[in-house]
Amino acid sequence: MLQNIGYTYITPAEALAHRQGKRSKVVLEDILTAQLHQLNQIEHRGKIHPFSDANIQTAVAAISQFPYDALYTTSAQIYDLLVLGKSLEQTIDGDKKSHQLKYINWENPANNVYHVTDEFEIERLNSTQTLRPDLVVCINGIPLVAIECKRPDLNDAMGDAISQHLRNHRPDEIPHFFCVTQFLLAIAQNSAQYGTTYTDKEFWAVWKEGISSRG
């Protein structure tokens, strides 16, 4: 379905390569780097200038190599970056000023790039053991959606999928991944529920339109 609406599928191996082979990373950094160059320019005295490579790398590091403090506070900081962008100083023709860089083009969504991958392997905090969300949706290389899929013949497929999301939030699991994601889905054939990071189980909402209606 995601491919039918314009998302490009990348294999788990390709997704890992986009993270420099490091399962501790959650952002597809080379895709993000290319997109930040593509989306951002500085207008100065009637001329257009690119952001410096150093500033682009600073912006990538801010959203992909952030220090993890706690799920709520760190995810709030990442949310601000996604919505407001990041202010970066750059000197142009001897004039040093701060300029705003954006991670996602909210005004013209077609200017972003969209990917989906499966079995997205992520190292647990302070461990080499890994967890693997079933499906991960990325915009400009940033994993904004995580989807857990369950067999519909389970006694409580929806409950199991939501519980798995919430278990993965725990401090000794992959909370750094959920600091970046903005939308979580639990699906089992034609049933779906959704929430956001830190949404308690009882507050997950039913996807009323239904998965099957999208073909």
Protein backbone atom coordinates (compact mmCIF):
# COMPACT_ATOMS: atom_id res chain seq x y z
CA MET A 1 0.00 0.00 0.00
CA LEU A 2 2.76 2.44 0.92
CA GLN A 3 4.58 1.74 -2.34
CA ASN A 4 1.35 2.38 -4.23
CA ILE A 5 1.12 5.89 -2.77
CA GLY A 6 4.71 6.79 -3.60
CA TYR A 7 6.98 5.37 -0.92
CA THR A 8 10.19 3.68 -2.04
CA TYR A 9 10.88 0.31 -0.43
CA ILE A 10 14.40 -0.36 0.85
CA THR A 11 15.53 -3.70 2.22
CA PRO A 12 16.76 -4.13 5.81
CA ALA A 13 20.32 -4.43 4.47
CA GLU A 14 19.95 -1.20 2.49
CA ALA A 15 18.49 0.58 5.51
CA LEU A 16 21.47 -0.53 7.59
CA ALA A 17 23.89 0.68 4.91
CA HIS A 18 22.15 4.10 5.00
CA ARG A 19 23.03 4.11 8.74
CA GLN A 20 26.72 3.43 8.02
CA GLY A 21 26.21 -0.15 9.16
CA LYS A 22 25.55 0.98 12.75
CA ARG A 23 22.46 -0.50 14.39
CA SER A 24 22.75 2.04 17.18
CA LYS A 25 21.68 4.74 14.71
CA VAL A 26 18.04 5.25 13.75
CA VAL A 27 18.29 7.96 11.05
CA LEU A 28 19.23 7.19 7.43
CA GLU A 29 21.97 9.78 7.59
CA ASP A 30 23.15 9.86 3.99
CA ILE A 31 19.59 10.34 2.73
CA LEU A 32 19.01 13.10 5.28
CA THR A 33 22.29 14.81 4.37
CA ALA A 34 21.37 14.92 0.68
CA GLN A 35 17.90 16.23 1.46
CA LEU A 36 19.11 18.98 3.77
CA HIS A 37 21.33 20.24 0.96
CA GLN A 38 18.39 20.01 -1.45
CA LEU A 39 15.78 21.69 0.75
CA ASN A 40 17.76 24.51 2.33
CA GLN A 41 19.28 27.68 0.95
CA ILE A 42 20.29 31.04 2.37
CA GLU A 43 19.21 34.28 0.73
CA HIS A 44 21.73 37.05 1.34
CA ARG A 45 21.69 40.43 -0.37
CA GLY A 46 19.69 39.13 -3.30
CA LYS A 47 21.81 36.04 -3.85
CA ILE A 48 21.22 32.40 -2.95
CA HIS A 49 23.89 30.49 -1.04
CA PRO A 50 24.03 26.88 0.18
CA PHE A 51 24.46 25.93 3.80
CA SER A 52 28.04 24.88 4.47
CA ASP A 53 28.89 21.19 4.70
CA ALA A 54 29.82 21.76 8.34
CA ASN A 55 26.39 23.21 9.12
CA ILE A 56 24.64 20.37 7.31
CA GLN A 57 26.60 17.86 9.38
CA THR A 58 25.74 19.77 12.57
CA ALA A 59 22.05 19.58 11.63
CA VAL A 60 22.26 15.85 10.88
CA ALA A 61 24.00 15.18 14.20
CA ALA A 62 21.37 17.18 16.12
CA ILE A 63 18.60 14.80 15.07
CA SER A 64 20.55 11.55 14.73
CA GLN A 65 23.23 11.64 17.44
CA PHE A 66 21.40 13.42 20.25
CA PRO A 67 22.14 12.56 23.89
CA TYR A 68 19.27 10.56 25.35
CA ASP A 69 17.96 12.00 28.61
CA ALA A 70 14.40 10.74 29.06
CA LEU A 71 11.73 9.77 26.58
CA TYR A 72 9.42 12.72 27.18
CA THR A 73 12.01 15.50 27.31
CA THR A 74 14.20 14.19 24.49
CA SER A 75 11.24 13.54 22.17
CA ALA A 76 10.02 17.10 22.84
CA GLN A 77 13.39 18.43 21.69
CA ILE A 78 13.28 16.31 18.52
CA TYR A 79 9.71 17.45 17.84
CA ASP A 80 10.85 21.08 17.97
CA LEU A 81 13.60 20.32 15.45
CA LEU A 82 11.14 18.65 13.09
CA VAL A 83 8.58 21.44 13.29
CA LEU A 84 10.73 24.55 13.74
CA GLY A 85 14.05 23.49 12.22
CA LYS A 86 17.46 24.44 13.56
CA SER A 87 19.17 27.82 13.71
CA LEU A 88 22.74 27.75 12.40
CA GLU A 89 25.33 30.50 12.14
CA GLN A 90 27.09 31.02 8.82
CA THR A 91 29.34 33.76 7.51
CA ILE A 92 28.59 35.00 3.99
CA ASP A 93 30.68 37.80 2.45
CA GLY A 94 32.01 38.64 5.92
CA ASP A 95 28.52 38.89 7.41
CA LYS A 96 27.88 36.33 10.20
CA LYS A 97 24.23 35.61 10.94
CA SER A 98 21.96 32.81 12.10
CA HIS A 99 19.86 31.09 9.45
CA GLN A 100 17.02 28.62 9.88
CA LEU A 101 17.43 25.14 8.41
CA LYS A 102 14.40 22.85 8.00
CA TYR A 103 14.37 19.06 8.08
CA ILE A 104 11.06 18.59 6.28
CA ASN A 105 9.38 20.76 3.68
CA TRP A 106 5.93 21.06 5.23
CA GLU A 107 4.72 23.58 2.66
CA ASN A 108 5.53 21.44 -0.41
CA PRO A 109 5.44 17.75 0.60
CA ALA A 110 6.42 16.63 -2.91
CA ASN A 111 9.91 18.04 -2.27
CA ASN A 112 10.55 15.44 0.45
CA VAL A 113 11.60 11.83 -0.15
CA TYR A 114 9.67 8.90 1.28
CA HIS A 115 10.92 5.42 2.16
CA VAL A 116 9.57 2.33 3.91
CA THR A 117 11.56 -0.61 5.21
CA ASP A 118 10.87 -3.73 7.24
CA GLU A 119 12.57 -5.56 10.12
CA PHE A 120 14.38 -2.35 11.08
CA GLU A 121 17.08 -3.61 13.42
CA ILE A 122 17.99 -1.27 16.30
CA GLU A 123 20.43 -1.81 19.15
CA ARG A 124 19.02 -1.54 22.63
CA LEU A 125 20.46 1.20 24.82
CA ASN A 126 23.73 0.15 26.44
CA SER A 127 23.60 -3.23 24.73
CA THR A 128 24.50 -4.97 21.48
CA GLN A 129 21.20 -6.86 21.50
CA THR A 130 18.66 -5.64 18.98
CA LEU A 131 14.94 -5.16 18.48
CA ARG A 132 13.19 -5.03 15.12
CA PRO A 133 10.06 -2.96 14.54
CA ASP A 134 8.09 -4.61 11.73
CA LEU A 135 7.75 -1.60 9.42
CA VAL A 136 9.36 1.83 9.60
CA VAL A 137 8.36 4.78 7.44
CA CYS A 138 10.96 7.51 6.83
CA ILE A 139 10.64 11.02 5.47
CA ASN A 140 13.96 12.50 4.33
CA GLY A 141 15.63 9.58 6.08
CA ILE A 142 14.00 10.36 9.44
CA PRO A 143 11.95 7.46 10.89
CA LEU A 144 8.64 9.13 11.68
CA VAL A 145 6.28 6.13 11.71
CA ALA A 146 6.64 2.69 13.31
CA ILE A 147 4.18 -0.11 12.55
CA GLU A 148 3.74 -3.40 14.40
CA CYS A 149 1.89 -6.14 12.50
CA LYS A 150 0.21 -9.13 14.16
CA ARG A 151 -1.56 -12.24 12.88
CA PRO A 152 -5.35 -11.74 13.05
CA ASP A 153 -5.88 -15.20 14.58
CA LEU A 154 -4.25 -14.15 17.87
CA ASN A 155 -6.58 -13.75 20.85
CA ASP A 156 -5.77 -10.05 21.20
CA ALA A 157 -3.78 -9.04 18.11
CA MET A 158 -4.29 -5.31 18.62
CA GLY A 159 -3.43 -5.48 22.28
CA ASP A 160 -0.29 -7.49 21.58
CA ALA A 161 0.90 -5.01 18.93
CA ILE A 162 0.30 -1.98 21.16
CA SER A 163 1.96 -3.69 24.13
CA GLN A 164 4.99 -4.43 21.98
CA HIS A 165 5.31 -0.76 21.06
CA LEU A 166 5.09 0.22 24.72
CA ARG A 167 7.58 -2.43 25.85
CA ASN A 168 10.02 -1.07 23.28
CA HIS A 169 9.65 2.40 24.87
CA ARG A 170 11.28 1.19 28.08
CA PRO A 171 14.60 2.77 29.16
CA ASP A 172 16.54 -0.47 28.57
CA GLU A 173 14.98 -1.12 25.16
CA ILE A 174 14.94 1.38 22.22
CA PRO A 175 13.47 4.61 23.65
CA HIS A 176 15.88 6.69 21.52
CA PHE A 177 14.06 5.40 18.42
CA PHE A 178 10.70 6.54 19.81
CA CYS A 179 12.13 9.98 20.54
CA VAL A 180 12.16 10.46 16.77
CA THR A 181 8.97 8.68 15.70
CA GLN A 182 5.80 10.77 15.69
CA PHE A 183 3.13 8.23 14.77
CA LEU A 184 2.69 4.59 15.81
CA LEU A 185 0.42 1.99 14.22
CA ALA A 186 -0.75 -1.44 15.34
CA ILE A 187 -2.35 -3.53 12.59
CA ALA A 188 -3.81 -7.00 12.14
CA GLN A 189 -5.29 -7.59 8.70
CA ASN A 190 -8.32 -5.22 8.51
CA SER A 191 -7.98 -3.79 12.02
CA ALA A 192 -5.76 -0.90 13.02
CA GLN A 193 -5.17 1.39 15.97
CA TYR A 194 -2.83 4.35 16.29
CA GLY A 195 -1.11 6.48 18.88
CA THR A 196 1.94 8.62 19.38
CA THR A 197 5.06 8.23 21.46
CA TYR A 198 4.15 7.61 25.11
CA THR A 199 0.41 7.16 24.41
CA ASP A 200 -1.00 4.85 27.10
CA LYS A 201 -2.68 1.71 25.81
CA GLU A 202 -6.22 2.80 26.71
CA PHE A 203 -5.88 5.99 24.67
CA TRP A 204 -4.92 4.41 21.34
CA ALA A 205 -7.57 5.28 18.74
CA VAL A 206 -9.24 3.03 16.19
CA TRP A 207 -8.35 3.71 12.55
CA LYS A 208 -11.97 4.13 11.47
CA GLU A 209 -11.45 4.17 7.72
CA GLY A 210 -9.98 0.66 7.83
CA ILE A 211 -6.90 -0.74 6.14
CA SER A 212 -8.88 -2.76 3.57
CA SER A 213 -10.55 0.31 2.06
CA ARG A 214 -7.18 1.51 0.79
CA GLY A 215 -6.65 -1.62 -1.25
